Each structure stands twice: as structure tokens, then as C-alpha cells.
């Protein structure tokens, strides 16, 4: 009987441990309003430019070490 109660308590604890860990907001967290931008047709020889807004909504410094285009 005691073993069943103990195992039940452990199972309930494990069920709540996952969601609580997901709520951990420490560290950097990046927020990007848009992941892609379609320039449409661009005439050769002209310059096309777009600014992507990137924000750190985390509690620590966000360091972006490498960026590449697709």
C-alpha cells in the first residue's frame, strides 16, 4: 500500500516537472517578427534592402555569432 502511494506521488511529480521546466525564462531568448521577406522582382544592378527586427526578450545577454542567408 505504501509503495503504491509513493509511486503515485512520484508519477504526479514527474507530470508537473516537465511543464514547470518549460516555464524557466532564464537566459537569452530571441524574438523575430518575420523570418522571411519576399523582395518580389528586383531589377539587376539595383539595391534591395530590408531590415529584420530582432529582439532579446530573455533575462540574459543574447549573442548572435553567425548569420547566413538561405
PDB file of N, CA and C in Angstrom:
ATOM      1  N   UNK A   1       0.827  -1.203   0.000  1.00  0.00           N
ATOM      2  CA  UNK A   1       0.000   0.000   0.000  1.00  0.00           C
ATOM      3  C   UNK A   1       0.867   1.261   0.000  1.00  0.00           C
ATOM      4  N   UNK A   2       1.861   1.283   0.893  1.00  0.00           N
ATOM      5  CA  UNK A   2       2.736   2.455   0.970  1.00  0.00           C
ATOM      6  C   UNK A   2       3.508   2.630  -0.338  1.00  0.00           C
ATOM      7  N   UNK A   3       3.889   1.505  -0.935  1.00  0.00           N
ATOM      8  CA  UNK A   3       4.634   1.569  -2.183  1.00  0.00           C
ATOM      9  C   UNK A   3       3.770   2.161  -3.299  1.00  0.00           C
ATOM     10  N   UNK A   4       2.506   1.806  -3.357  1.00  0.00           N
ATOM     11  CA  UNK A   4       1.590   2.328  -4.367  1.00  0.00           C
ATOM     12  C   UNK A   4       1.401   3.829  -4.201  1.00  0.00           C
ATOM     13  N   UNK A   5       1.253   4.271  -2.969  1.00  0.00           N
ATOM     14  CA  UNK A   5       1.088   5.704  -2.705  1.00  0.00           C
ATOM     15  C   UNK A   5       2.352   6.453  -3.101  1.00  0.00           C
ATOM     16  N   UNK A   6       3.511   5.888  -2.749  1.00  0.00           N
ATOM     17  CA  UNK A   6       4.783   6.522  -3.089  1.00  0.00           C
ATOM     18  C   UNK A   6       4.950   6.627  -4.606  1.00  0.00           C
ATOM     19  N   UNK A   7       4.687   5.539  -5.327  1.00  0.00           N
ATOM     20  CA  UNK A   7       4.809   5.547  -6.783  1.00  0.00           C
ATOM     21  C   UNK A   7       3.831   6.543  -7.416  1.00  0.00           C
ATOM     22  N   UNK A   8       2.639   6.642  -6.857  1.00  0.00           N
ATOM     23  CA  UNK A   8       1.661   7.609  -7.365  1.00  0.00           C
ATOM     24  C   UNK A   8       2.158   9.031  -7.181  1.00  0.00           C
ATOM     25  N   UNK A   9       2.764   9.307  -6.042  1.00  0.00           N
ATOM     26  CA  UNK A   9       3.288  10.650  -5.773  1.00  0.00           C
ATOM     27  C   UNK A   9       4.442  10.975  -6.724  1.00  0.00           C
ATOM     28  N   UNK A  10       5.287   9.985  -6.997  1.00  0.00           N
ATOM     29  CA  UNK A  10       6.407  10.198  -7.914  1.00  0.00           C
ATOM     30  C   UNK A  10       5.877  10.487  -9.320  1.00  0.00           C
ATOM     31  N   UNK A  11       4.884   9.726  -9.742  1.00  0.00           N
ATOM     32  CA  UNK A  11       4.311   9.931 -11.074  1.00  0.00           C
ATOM     33  C   UNK A  11       3.693  11.323 -11.206  1.00  0.00           C
ATOM     34  N   UNK A  12       2.970  11.758 -10.195  1.00  0.00           N
ATOM     35  CA  UNK A  12       2.361  13.091 -10.219  1.00  0.00           C
ATOM     36  C   UNK A  12       3.464  14.152 -10.268  1.00  0.00           C
ATOM     37  N   UNK A  13       4.525  13.955  -9.506  1.00  0.00           N
ATOM     38  CA  UNK A  13       5.643  14.892  -9.511  1.00  0.00           C
ATOM     39  C   UNK A  13       6.286  14.990 -10.883  1.00  0.00           C
ATOM     40  N   UNK A  14       6.454  13.852 -11.546  1.00  0.00           N
ATOM     41  CA  UNK A  14       7.052  13.857 -12.884  1.00  0.00           C
ATOM     42  C   UNK A  14       6.146  14.533 -13.901  1.00  0.00           C
ATOM     43  N   UNK A  15       4.853  14.388 -13.749  1.00  0.00           N
ATOM     44  CA  UNK A  15       3.915  15.035 -14.669  1.00  0.00           C
ATOM     45  C   UNK A  15       4.004  16.553 -14.587  1.00  0.00           C
ATOM     46  N   UNK A  16       4.225  17.080 -13.395  1.00  0.00           N
ATOM     47  CA  UNK A  16       4.300  18.530 -13.229  1.00  0.00           C
ATOM     48  C   UNK A  16       5.700  19.076 -13.444  1.00  0.00           C
ATOM     49  N   UNK A  17       6.724  18.240 -13.388  1.00  0.00           N
ATOM     50  CA  UNK A  17       8.106  18.711 -13.546  1.00  0.00           C
ATOM     51  C   UNK A  17       8.368  19.203 -14.967  1.00  0.00           C
ATOM     52  N   UNK A  18       7.827  18.537 -15.981  1.00  0.00           N
ATOM     53  CA  UNK A  18       8.042  18.939 -17.375  1.00  0.00           C
ATOM     54  C   UNK A  18       7.518  20.323 -17.678  1.00  0.00           C
ATOM     55  N   UNK A  19       6.234  20.591 -17.418  1.00  0.00           N
ATOM     56  CA  UNK A  19       5.709  21.934 -17.687  1.00  0.00           C
ATOM     57  C   UNK A  19       6.385  23.027 -16.872  1.00  0.00           C
ATOM     58  N   UNK A  20       6.785  22.729 -15.652  1.00  0.00           N
ATOM     59  CA  UNK A  20       7.455  23.748 -14.841  1.00  0.00           C
ATOM     60  C   UNK A  20       8.829  24.073 -15.403  1.00  0.00           C
ATOM     61  N   UNK A  21       9.520  23.086 -15.931  1.00  0.00           N
ATOM     62  CA  UNK A  21      10.828  23.338 -16.544  1.00  0.00           C
ATOM     63  C   UNK A  21      10.678  24.194 -17.785  1.00  0.00           C
ATOM     64  N   UNK A  22       9.588  24.036 -18.511  1.00  0.00           N
ATOM     65  CA  UNK A  22       9.349  24.835 -19.717  1.00  0.00           C
ATOM     66  C   UNK A  22       9.091  26.299 -19.386  1.00  0.00           C
ATOM     67  N   UNK A  23       8.681  26.592 -18.170  1.00  0.00           N
ATOM     68  CA  UNK A  23       8.408  27.965 -17.756  1.00  0.00           C
ATOM     69  C   UNK A  23       9.673  28.717 -17.348  1.00  0.00           C
ATOM     70  N   UNK A  24      10.808  28.029 -17.329  1.00  0.00           N
ATOM     71  CA  UNK A  24      12.072  28.650 -16.954  1.00  0.00           C
ATOM     72  C   UNK A  24      12.447  29.689 -18.001  1.00  0.00           C
ATOM     73  N   UNK A  25      12.393  30.965 -17.642  1.00  0.00           N
ATOM     74  CA  UNK A  25      12.645  32.057 -18.587  1.00  0.00           C
ATOM     75  C   UNK A  25      14.029  32.654 -18.436  1.00  0.00           C
ATOM     76  N   UNK A  26      14.938  31.941 -17.788  1.00  0.00           N
ATOM     77  CA  UNK A  26      16.277  32.490 -17.633  1.00  0.00           C
ATOM     78  C   UNK A  26      17.066  32.287 -18.909  1.00  0.00           C
ATOM     79  N   UNK A  27      18.018  33.150 -19.127  1.00  0.00           N
ATOM     80  CA  UNK A  27      18.854  33.054 -20.318  1.00  0.00           C
ATOM     81  C   UNK A  27      18.336  33.930 -21.441  1.00  0.00           C
ATOM     82  N   UNK A  28      19.077  33.982 -22.531  1.00  0.00           N
ATOM     83  CA  UNK A  28      18.653  34.786 -23.680  1.00  0.00           C
ATOM     84  C   UNK A  28      17.510  34.107 -24.428  1.00  0.00           C
ATOM     85  N   UNK A  29      16.664  34.910 -25.027  1.00  0.00           N
ATOM     86  CA  UNK A  29      15.577  34.373 -25.854  1.00  0.00           C
ATOM     87  C   UNK A  29      15.338  35.352 -26.993  1.00  0.00           C
ATOM     88  N   UNK A  30      15.466  34.835 -28.220  1.00  0.00           N
ATOM     89  CA  UNK A  30      15.346  35.689 -29.396  1.00  0.00           C
ATOM     90  C   UNK A  30      13.892  35.754 -29.862  1.00  0.00           C
ATOM     91  N   UNK A  31      13.488  36.940 -30.285  1.00  0.00           N
ATOM     92  CA  UNK A  31      12.149  37.133 -30.852  1.00  0.00           C
ATOM     93  C   UNK A  31      12.332  37.849 -32.192  1.00  0.00           C
ATOM     94  N   UNK A  32      11.847  37.228 -33.254  1.00  0.00           N
ATOM     95  CA  UNK A  32      11.955  37.793 -34.601  1.00  0.00           C
ATOM     96  C   UNK A  32      10.551  37.955 -35.156  1.00  0.00           C
ATOM     97  N   UNK A  33      10.201  39.169 -35.562  1.00  0.00           N
ATOM     98  CA  UNK A  33       8.846  39.428 -36.051  1.00  0.00           C
ATOM     99  C   UNK A  33       8.538  38.669 -37.335  1.00  0.00           C
ATOM    100  N   UNK A  34       9.487  38.605 -38.243  1.00  0.00           N
ATOM    101  CA  UNK A  34       9.280  37.894 -39.503  1.00  0.00           C
ATOM    102  C   UNK A  34      10.552  37.134 -39.855  1.00  0.00           C
ATOM    103  N   UNK A  35      10.387  35.894 -40.275  1.00  0.00           N
ATOM    104  CA  UNK A  35      11.538  35.059 -40.607  1.00  0.00           C
ATOM    105  C   UNK A  35      11.942  35.191 -42.076  1.00  0.00           C
ATOM    106  N   UNK A  36      11.010  35.627 -42.928  1.00  0.00           N
ATOM    107  CA  UNK A  36      11.283  35.746 -44.354  1.00  0.00           C
ATOM    108  C   UNK A  36      10.713  37.060 -44.885  1.00  0.00           C
ATOM    109  N   UNK A  37      11.300  37.511 -45.975  1.00  0.00           N
ATOM    110  CA  UNK A  37      10.782  38.697 -46.654  1.00  0.00           C
ATOM    111  C   UNK A  37      10.928  38.477 -48.151  1.00  0.00           C
ATOM    112  N   UNK A  38       9.868  38.668 -48.898  1.00  0.00           N
ATOM    113  CA  UNK A  38       9.874  38.472 -50.348  1.00  0.00           C
ATOM    114  C   UNK A  38      10.090  39.826 -51.017  1.00  0.00           C
ATOM    115  N   UNK A  39      11.205  39.973 -51.698  1.00  0.00           N
ATOM    116  CA  UNK A  39      11.504  41.222 -52.401  1.00  0.00           C
ATOM    117  C   UNK A  39      10.744  41.342 -53.705  1.00  0.00           C
ATOM    118  N   UNK A  40      10.133  40.267 -54.136  1.00  0.00           N
ATOM    119  CA  UNK A  40       9.467  40.297 -55.428  1.00  0.00           C
ATOM    120  C   UNK A  40      10.514  40.314 -56.532  1.00  0.00           C
ATOM    121  N   UNK A  41      10.213  40.968 -57.626  1.00  0.00           N
ATOM    122  CA  UNK A  41      11.175  41.062 -58.730  1.00  0.00           C
ATOM    123  C   UNK A  41      12.093  42.259 -58.485  1.00  0.00           C
ATOM    124  N   UNK A  42      13.390  41.996 -58.568  1.00  0.00           N
ATOM    125  CA  UNK A  42      14.388  43.054 -58.382  1.00  0.00           C
ATOM    126  C   UNK A  42      15.166  43.184 -59.682  1.00  0.00           C
ATOM    127  N   UNK A  43      15.251  44.386 -60.179  1.00  0.00           N
ATOM    128  CA  UNK A  43      15.973  44.648 -61.428  1.00  0.00           C
ATOM    129  C   UNK A  43      17.470  44.510 -61.160  1.00  0.00           C
ATOM    130  N   UNK A  44      18.142  43.804 -62.054  1.00  0.00           N
ATOM    131  CA  UNK A  44      19.573  43.597 -61.902  1.00  0.00           C
ATOM    132  C   UNK A  44      20.300  44.934 -61.856  1.00  0.00           C
ATOM    133  N   UNK A  45      21.238  45.057 -60.923  1.00  0.00           N
ATOM    134  CA  UNK A  45      22.020  46.278 -60.787  1.00  0.00           C
ATOM    135  C   UNK A  45      21.451  47.235 -59.750  1.00  0.00           C
ATOM    136  N   UNK A  46      20.223  46.997 -59.272  1.00  0.00           N
ATOM    137  CA  UNK A  46      19.659  47.848 -58.228  1.00  0.00           C
ATOM    138  C   UNK A  46      19.900  47.206 -56.864  1.00  0.00           C
ATOM    139  N   UNK A  47      19.752  47.990 -55.830  1.00  0.00           N
ATOM    140  CA  UNK A  47      19.948  47.506 -54.471  1.00  0.00           C
ATOM    141  C   UNK A  47      18.605  47.211 -53.822  1.00  0.00           C
ATOM    142  N   UNK A  48      18.503  46.053 -53.227  1.00  0.00           N
ATOM    143  CA  UNK A  48      17.302  45.674 -52.473  1.00  0.00           C
ATOM    144  C   UNK A  48      17.710  45.551 -51.008  1.00  0.00           C
ATOM    145  N   UNK A  49      16.928  46.129 -50.130  1.00  0.00           N
ATOM    146  CA  UNK A  49      17.288  46.159 -48.714  1.00  0.00           C
ATOM    147  C   UNK A  49      16.051  45.951 -47.853  1.00  0.00           C
ATOM    148  N   UNK A  50      16.223  45.242 -46.754  1.00  0.00           N
ATOM    149  CA  UNK A  50      15.137  45.037 -45.785  1.00  0.00           C
ATOM    150  C   UNK A  50      15.750  44.884 -44.396  1.00  0.00           C
ATOM    151  N   UNK A  51      15.117  45.435 -43.393  1.00  0.00           N
ATOM    152  CA  UNK A  51      15.597  45.344 -42.019  1.00  0.00           C
ATOM    153  C   UNK A  51      14.735  44.335 -41.269  1.00  0.00           C
ATOM    154  N   UNK A  52      15.390  43.331 -40.690  1.00  0.00           N
ATOM    155  CA  UNK A  52      14.701  42.367 -39.843  1.00  0.00           C
ATOM    156  C   UNK A  52      14.839  42.829 -38.394  1.00  0.00           C
ATOM    157  N   UNK A  53      13.722  42.946 -37.699  1.00  0.00           N
ATOM    158  CA  UNK A  53      13.747  43.376 -36.302  1.00  0.00           C
ATOM    159  C   UNK A  53      13.961  42.161 -35.411  1.00  0.00           C
ATOM    160  N   UNK A  54      15.029  42.199 -34.635  1.00  0.00           N
ATOM    161  CA  UNK A  54      15.382  41.120 -33.722  1.00  0.00           C
ATOM    162  C   UNK A  54      15.423  41.700 -32.321  1.00  0.00           C
ATOM    163  N   UNK A  55      14.799  40.997 -31.370  1.00  0.00           N
ATOM    164  CA  UNK A  55      14.728  41.497 -30.006  1.00  0.00           C
ATOM    165  C   UNK A  55      15.073  40.374 -29.034  1.00  0.00           C
ATOM    166  N   UNK A  56      15.808  40.693 -27.996  1.00  0.00           N
ATOM    167  CA  UNK A  56      16.100  39.746 -26.930  1.00  0.00           C
ATOM    168  C   UNK A  56      15.055  39.942 -25.836  1.00  0.00           C
ATOM    169  N   UNK A  57      14.195  38.963 -25.653  1.00  0.00           N
ATOM    170  CA  UNK A  57      13.157  39.051 -24.623  1.00  0.00           C
ATOM    171  C   UNK A  57      13.523  38.191 -23.418  1.00  0.00           C
ATOM    172  N   UNK A  58      14.758  37.710 -23.375  1.00  0.00           N
ATOM    173  CA  UNK A  58      15.230  36.895 -22.263  1.00  0.00           C
ATOM    174  C   UNK A  58      15.828  37.741 -21.163  1.00  0.00           C
ATOM    175  N   UNK A  59      16.332  37.059 -20.157  1.00  0.00           N
ATOM    176  CA  UNK A  59      16.864  37.744 -18.982  1.00  0.00           C
ATOM    177  C   UNK A  59      18.379  37.904 -19.020  1.00  0.00           C
ATOM    178  N   UNK A  60      19.035  37.347 -20.048  1.00  0.00           N
ATOM    179  CA  UNK A  60      20.490  37.470 -20.160  1.00  0.00           C
ATOM    180  C   UNK A  60      20.858  37.975 -21.549  1.00  0.00           C
ATOM    181  N   UNK A  61      22.113  38.342 -21.726  1.00  0.00           N
ATOM    182  CA  UNK A  61      22.592  38.897 -22.985  1.00  0.00           C
ATOM    183  C   UNK A  61      22.472  37.879 -24.118  1.00  0.00           C
ATOM    184  N   UNK A  62      21.963  38.329 -25.252  1.00  0.00           N
ATOM    185  CA  UNK A  62      21.850  37.496 -26.451  1.00  0.00           C
ATOM    186  C   UNK A  62      23.032  37.806 -27.358  1.00  0.00           C
ATOM    187  N   UNK A  63      23.799  36.787 -27.703  1.00  0.00           N
ATOM    188  CA  UNK A  63      24.964  36.960 -28.570  1.00  0.00           C
ATOM    189  C   UNK A  63      24.681  36.201 -29.868  1.00  0.00           C
ATOM    190  N   UNK A  64      24.665  36.911 -30.976  1.00  0.00           N
ATOM    191  CA  UNK A  64      24.462  36.308 -32.291  1.00  0.00           C
ATOM    192  C   UNK A  64      25.835  36.129 -32.907  1.00  0.00           C
ATOM    193  N   UNK A  65      26.262  34.889 -33.069  1.00  0.00           N
ATOM    194  CA  UNK A  65      27.616  34.601 -33.522  1.00  0.00           C
ATOM    195  C   UNK A  65      27.717  34.362 -35.014  1.00  0.00           C
ATOM    196  N   UNK A  66      26.639  33.884 -35.655  1.00  0.00           N
ATOM    197  CA  UNK A  66      26.731  33.556 -37.067  1.00  0.00           C
ATOM    198  C   UNK A  66      25.378  33.776 -37.718  1.00  0.00           C
ATOM    199  N   UNK A  67      25.392  34.435 -38.867  1.00  0.00           N
ATOM    200  CA  UNK A  67      24.168  34.681 -39.635  1.00  0.00           C
ATOM    201  C   UNK A  67      24.433  34.263 -41.070  1.00  0.00           C
ATOM    202  N   UNK A  68      23.472  33.601 -41.678  1.00  0.00           N
ATOM    203  CA  UNK A  68      23.610  33.250 -43.090  1.00  0.00           C
ATOM    204  C   UNK A  68      22.263  33.334 -43.782  1.00  0.00           C
ATOM    205  N   UNK A  69      22.313  33.592 -45.071  1.00  0.00           N
ATOM    206  CA  UNK A  69      21.073  33.654 -45.854  1.00  0.00           C
ATOM    207  C   UNK A  69      20.780  32.280 -46.418  1.00  0.00           C
ATOM    208  N   UNK A  70      19.524  32.103 -46.785  1.00  0.00           N
ATOM    209  CA  UNK A  70      19.114  30.789 -47.322  1.00  0.00           C
ATOM    210  C   UNK A  70      19.461  30.655 -48.769  1.00  0.00           C
TER     211      UNK A  70
END
